[in-house]
C-alpha atoms as a PDB file:
ATOM      1  CA  MET A   1      48.274   5.173  16.368  1.00  0.00           C
ATOM      2  CA  LEU A   2      46.100   5.258  13.057  1.00  0.00           C
ATOM      3  CA  LEU A   3      47.436   6.814  10.208  1.00  0.00           C
ATOM      4  CA  SER A   4      45.661   8.333   7.358  1.00  0.00           C
ATOM      5  CA  SER A   5      48.981   8.104   4.631  1.00  0.00           C
ATOM      6  CA  PRO A   6      52.305   6.393   4.745  1.00  0.00           C
ATOM      7  CA  TRP A   7      53.826   9.841   4.497  1.00  0.00           C
ATOM      8  CA  GLN A   8      52.844  10.480   8.365  1.00  0.00           C
ATOM      9  CA  LEU A   9      55.294   8.137   9.262  1.00  0.00           C
ATOM     10  CA  ARG A  10      58.408  10.440   8.028  1.00  0.00           C
ATOM     11  CA  PRO A  11      58.293  12.331  10.949  1.00  0.00           C
ATOM     12  CA  LEU A  12      58.806   9.564  13.011  1.00  0.00           C
ATOM     13  CA  CYS A  13      62.364   9.145  11.132  1.00  0.00           C
ATOM     14  CA  ARG A  14      65.193  10.840  12.992  1.00  0.00           C
ATOM     15  CA  PRO A  15      65.599  14.767  11.418  1.00  0.00           C
ATOM     16  CA  ALA A  16      69.077  13.965   9.822  1.00  0.00           C
ATOM     17  CA  LEU A  17      67.513  10.939   7.917  1.00  0.00           C
ATOM     18  CA  ALA A  18      63.801  12.992   7.145  1.00  0.00           C
ATOM     19  CA  PRO A  19      64.924  13.001   3.120  1.00  0.00           C
ATOM     20  CA  LEU A  20      65.903   9.474   3.351  1.00  0.00           C
ATOM     21  CA  CYS A  21      62.607   8.380   4.685  1.00  0.00           C
ATOM     22  CA  VAL A  22      60.132   7.240   2.099  1.00  0.00           C
ATOM     23  CA  PRO A  23      57.214   4.386   2.304  1.00  0.00           C
ATOM     24  CA  ARG A  24      57.976   1.217   0.947  1.00  0.00           C
ATOM     25  CA  GLY A  25      55.212  -0.872  -0.702  1.00  0.00           C
ATOM     26  CA  PHE A  26      53.860  -1.898  -4.079  1.00  0.00           C
ATOM     27  CA  ARG A  27      52.772   0.911  -6.126  1.00  0.00           C
ATOM     28  CA  GLY A  28      50.954  -0.994  -8.553  1.00  0.00           C
ATOM     29  CA  ALA A  29      51.661  -1.787 -11.864  1.00  0.00           C
ATOM     30  CA  SER A  30      50.061   0.559 -14.545  1.00  0.00           C
ATOM     31  CA  LEU A  31      49.704  -0.228 -18.082  1.00  0.00           C
ATOM     32  CA  GLY A  32      52.727   2.632 -18.816  1.00  0.00           C
ATOM     33  CA  ASP A  33      54.875   0.656 -16.548  1.00  0.00           C
ATOM     34  CA  SER A  34      58.476  -0.067 -18.118  1.00  0.00           C
ATOM     35  CA  GLY A  35      59.037  -2.041 -15.202  1.00  0.00           C
ATOM     36  CA  LYS A  36      63.121  -0.171 -15.067  1.00  0.00           C
ATOM     37  CA  ASP A  37      62.699   0.813 -11.816  1.00  0.00           C
ATOM     38  CA  VAL A  38      62.254  -2.955 -10.438  1.00  0.00           C
ATOM     39  CA  LEU A  39      65.346  -4.126  -8.379  1.00  0.00           C
ATOM     40  CA  GLU A  40      65.861  -7.801  -9.121  1.00  0.00           C
ATOM     41  CA  ILE A  41      67.917  -9.631  -6.129  1.00  0.00           C
ATOM     42  CA  PRO A  42      70.095 -12.432  -7.534  1.00  0.00           C
ATOM     43  CA  LEU A  43      69.477 -15.662  -5.929  1.00  0.00           C
ATOM     44  CA  PRO A  44      72.450 -17.963  -5.176  1.00  0.00           C
ATOM     45  CA  PRO A  45      72.797 -20.839  -7.574  1.00  0.00           C
ATOM     46  CA  TRP A  46      71.774 -24.142  -6.581  1.00  0.00           C
ATOM     47  CA  LYS A  47      74.146 -26.430  -5.297  1.00  0.00           C
ATOM     48  CA  GLU A  48      73.956 -30.362  -5.276  1.00  0.00           C
ATOM     49  CA  ARG A  49      74.688 -31.616  -1.684  1.00  0.00           C
ATOM     50  CA  PRO A  50      76.377 -34.661  -2.647  1.00  0.00           C
ATOM     51  CA  ASN A  51      77.725 -36.164   0.870  1.00  0.00           C
ATOM     52  CA  GLU A  52      74.458 -35.032   2.948  1.00  0.00           C
ATOM     53  CA  PRO A  53      72.597 -37.776   4.929  1.00  0.00           C
ATOM     54  CA  LEU A  54      69.234 -39.031   3.443  1.00  0.00           C
ATOM     55  CA  PRO A  55      67.658 -38.388   6.425  1.00  0.00           C
ATOM     56  CA  THR A  56      68.843 -34.742   6.823  1.00  0.00           C
ATOM     57  CA  LYS A  57      68.336 -34.361   3.192  1.00  0.00           C
ATOM     58  CA  ARG A  58      64.545 -35.894   3.622  1.00  0.00           C
ATOM     59  CA  ALA A  59      63.883 -33.723   6.682  1.00  0.00           C
ATOM     60  CA  ARG A  60      65.742 -30.881   4.705  1.00  0.00           C
ATOM     61  CA  LEU A  61      63.131 -31.407   1.442  1.00  0.00           C
ATOM     62  CA  LEU A  62      60.254 -31.846   4.068  1.00  0.00           C
ATOM     63  CA  TYR A  63      60.610 -27.916   5.348  1.00  0.00           C
ATOM     64  CA  GLU A  64      61.693 -26.548   2.167  1.00  0.00           C
ATOM     65  CA  SER A  65      58.317 -28.506   0.405  1.00  0.00           C
ATOM     66  CA  ARG A  66      56.208 -26.698   3.377  1.00  0.00           C
ATOM     67  CA  LYS A  67      57.942 -23.005   3.381  1.00  0.00           C
ATOM     68  CA  ARG A  68      57.539 -21.713  -0.559  1.00  0.00           C
ATOM     69  CA  GLY A  69      57.119 -18.469  -1.526  1.00  0.00           C
ATOM     70  CA  MET A  70      53.603 -18.891  -2.415  1.00  0.00           C
ATOM     71  CA  LEU A  71      50.740 -20.998  -0.956  1.00  0.00           C
ATOM     72  CA  GLU A  72      49.364 -22.838  -3.811  1.00  0.00           C
ATOM     73  CA  ASN A  73      53.001 -24.313  -3.814  1.00  0.00           C
ATOM     74  CA  CYS A  74      53.217 -24.700  -0.101  1.00  0.00           C
ATOM     75  CA  ILE A  75      50.004 -26.954  -0.418  1.00  0.00           C
ATOM     76  CA  LEU A  76      50.812 -28.936  -3.175  1.00  0.00           C
ATOM     77  CA  LEU A  77      54.799 -29.645  -2.803  1.00  0.00           C
ATOM     78  CA  SER A  78      53.557 -30.359   1.372  1.00  0.00           C
ATOM     79  CA  LEU A  79      51.323 -32.989  -0.411  1.00  0.00           C
ATOM     80  CA  PHE A  80      53.827 -34.465  -2.733  1.00  0.00           C
ATOM     81  CA  ALA A  81      56.433 -34.809   0.176  1.00  0.00           C
ATOM     82  CA  LYS A  82      53.728 -36.549   2.771  1.00  0.00           C
ATOM     83  CA  GLU A  83      53.250 -39.275   0.138  1.00  0.00           C
ATOM     84  CA  ASN A  84      56.754 -39.652  -1.675  1.00  0.00           C
ATOM     85  CA  LEU A  85      59.513 -38.692   0.543  1.00  0.00           C
ATOM     86  CA  ASP A  86      60.125 -41.342   2.738  1.00  0.00           C
ATOM     87  CA  ARG A  87      59.921 -43.836  -0.471  1.00  0.00           C
ATOM     88  CA  MET A  88      62.335 -41.711  -2.682  1.00  0.00           C
ATOM     89  CA  ASP A  89      65.604 -43.096  -3.673  1.00  0.00           C
ATOM     90  CA  GLU A  90      68.778 -40.806  -3.269  1.00  0.00           C
ATOM     91  CA  ARG A  91      68.419 -40.103  -6.943  1.00  0.00           C
ATOM     92  CA  GLN A  92      64.676 -39.356  -6.835  1.00  0.00           C
ATOM     93  CA  LEU A  93      65.278 -37.051  -4.069  1.00  0.00           C
ATOM     94  CA  ASN A  94      68.155 -35.338  -5.926  1.00  0.00           C
ATOM     95  CA  LEU A  95      65.943 -34.388  -8.884  1.00  0.00           C
ATOM     96  CA  TYR A  96      63.386 -33.241  -6.439  1.00  0.00           C
ATOM     97  CA  ASP A  97      65.911 -31.180  -4.841  1.00  0.00           C
ATOM     98  CA  ARG A  98      67.222 -29.387  -7.894  1.00  0.00           C
ATOM     99  CA  LEU A  99      63.487 -28.836  -8.808  1.00  0.00           C
ATOM    100  CA  ILE A 100      62.374 -27.123  -5.764  1.00  0.00           C
ATOM    101  CA  ASN A 101      65.634 -25.253  -5.506  1.00  0.00           C
ATOM    102  CA  GLU A 102      66.981 -24.321  -8.576  1.00  0.00           C
ATOM    103  CA  PRO A 103      64.290 -22.388 -10.468  1.00  0.00           C
ATOM    104  CA  SER A 104      64.170 -18.744  -9.191  1.00  0.00           C
ATOM    105  CA  ASN A 105      60.345 -18.553  -9.651  1.00  0.00           C
ATOM    106  CA  ASP A 106      58.006 -20.758  -7.695  1.00  0.00           C
ATOM    107  CA  TRP A 107      54.826 -19.867 -10.085  1.00  0.00           C
ATOM    108  CA  ASP A 108      57.285 -21.922 -13.226  1.00  0.00           C
ATOM    109  CA  ILE A 109      57.249 -24.974 -10.947  1.00  0.00           C
ATOM    110  CA  TYR A 110      53.720 -24.331  -9.948  1.00  0.00           C
ATOM    111  CA  TYR A 111      52.789 -24.242 -14.086  1.00  0.00           C
ATOM    112  CA  TRP A 112      54.855 -26.949 -14.610  1.00  0.00           C
ATOM    113  CA  ALA A 113      53.162 -29.346 -12.124  1.00  0.00           C
ATOM    114  CA  THR A 114      49.562 -28.377 -13.401  1.00  0.00           C
ATOM    115  CA  GLU A 115      50.596 -28.243 -16.989  1.00  0.00           C
ATOM    116  CA  ALA A 116      49.829 -24.755 -17.816  1.00  0.00           C
ATOM    117  CA  LYS A 117      53.475 -24.564 -19.338  1.00  0.00           C
ATOM    118  CA  PRO A 118      55.711 -27.028 -20.874  1.00  0.00           C
ATOM    119  CA  THR A 119      58.083 -28.269 -18.189  1.00  0.00           C
ATOM    120  CA  PRO A 120      61.980 -27.549 -19.632  1.00  0.00           C
ATOM    121  CA  ALA A 121      63.443 -30.484 -20.158  1.00  0.00           C
ATOM    122  CA  VAL A 122      66.038 -30.978 -17.746  1.00  0.00           C
ATOM    123  CA  PHE A 123      63.285 -30.856 -14.917  1.00  0.00           C
ATOM    124  CA  ASP A 124      60.955 -33.115 -17.526  1.00  0.00           C
ATOM    125  CA  ASN A 125      61.552 -36.581 -15.438  1.00  0.00           C
ATOM    126  CA  GLU A 126      60.436 -39.164 -13.403  1.00  0.00           C
ATOM    127  CA  VAL A 127      59.751 -36.634 -10.427  1.00  0.00           C
ATOM    128  CA  MET A 128      58.265 -34.295 -12.137  1.00  0.00           C
ATOM    129  CA  ALA A 129      55.817 -36.856 -13.700  1.00  0.00           C
ATOM    130  CA  MET A 130      54.884 -38.035  -9.908  1.00  0.00           C
ATOM    131  CA  LEU A 131      54.203 -34.347  -9.138  1.00  0.00           C
ATOM    132  CA  LYS A 132      51.912 -33.881 -12.099  1.00  0.00           C
ATOM    133  CA  GLU A 133      50.015 -36.974 -11.041  1.00  0.00           C
ATOM    134  CA  LEU A 134      49.284 -35.868  -7.902  1.00  0.00           C
ATOM    135  CA  ALA A 135      48.354 -32.132  -9.179  1.00  0.00           C
ATOM    136  CA  LYS A 136      45.770 -33.453 -11.465  1.00  0.00           C
ATOM    137  CA  ASN A 137      44.005 -34.715  -7.799  1.00  0.00           C
ATOM    138  CA  LYS A 138      42.080 -37.626  -9.672  1.00  0.00           C
ATOM    139  CA  LYS A 139      40.680 -38.595  -6.368  1.00  0.00           C
ATOM    140  CA  LYS A 140      38.840 -34.986  -6.244  1.00  0.00           C
ATOM    141  CA  GLU A 141      40.180 -34.669  -2.813  1.00  0.00           C
ATOM    142  CA  GLN A 142      39.649 -30.959  -0.989  1.00  0.00           C
ATOM    143  CA  ARG A 143      43.396 -29.705  -0.837  1.00  0.00           C
ATOM    144  CA  LEU A 144      42.887 -26.516   1.065  1.00  0.00           C
ATOM    145  CA  ARG A 145      45.893 -26.314   3.323  1.00  0.00           C
ATOM    146  CA  GLN A 146      49.222 -28.189   4.050  1.00  0.00           C
ATOM    147  CA  PRO A 147      49.041 -31.500   5.987  1.00  0.00           C
ATOM    148  CA  ASP A 148      49.608 -31.718   9.704  1.00  0.00           C
ATOM    149  CA  LEU A 149      52.705 -33.352  10.430  1.00  0.00           C
ATOM    150  CA  GLU A 150      51.616 -35.723  12.575  1.00  0.00           C
ATOM    151  CA  TYR A 151      52.054 -38.563   9.943  1.00  0.00           C
ATOM    152  CA  LEU A 152      55.871 -38.149  11.257  1.00  0.00           C
ATOM    153  CA  PHE A 153      55.320 -39.319  14.447  1.00  0.00           C
ATOM    154  CA  GLU A 154      53.089 -42.421  13.496  1.00  0.00           C
ATOM    155  CA  SER A 155      53.932 -46.033  14.189  1.00  0.00           C
ATOM    156  CA  THR A 156      54.151 -47.740  10.805  1.00  0.00           C
ATOM    157  CA  ASN A 157      53.797 -51.262  12.606  1.00  0.00           C
END
């Protein structure tokens, strides 16, 4: 069924709910947009997990590094996780956990890592320095997608 307008969806609603059925979607930002109608959903505060076993923490951080809200961070953080998670100690893993889970905006992490914006003091640590170094891409590698997960199953002999 091809619809020429989202308003054609309205008849698909139950008659009693028809007045409430409005098309959802981004309406665009115009120059005069005040943004007052934007609904911001608060994120739960980040909580440290002090009793989490290290293998579990590494697995969770690998997953969270790959499943971000934006492709740029999916690529950057998944490459970082591949290169560093296995050799990071517990303190560094906690710093990384806080870095990728406390800020509510993924763009902030990206801007700090690429040095487009200054890193706040709370996140300016050795893990951020490692991430910034990776983001510089000194070897000029083509980074168009996340690394495959086969490396997790390779023998380290």
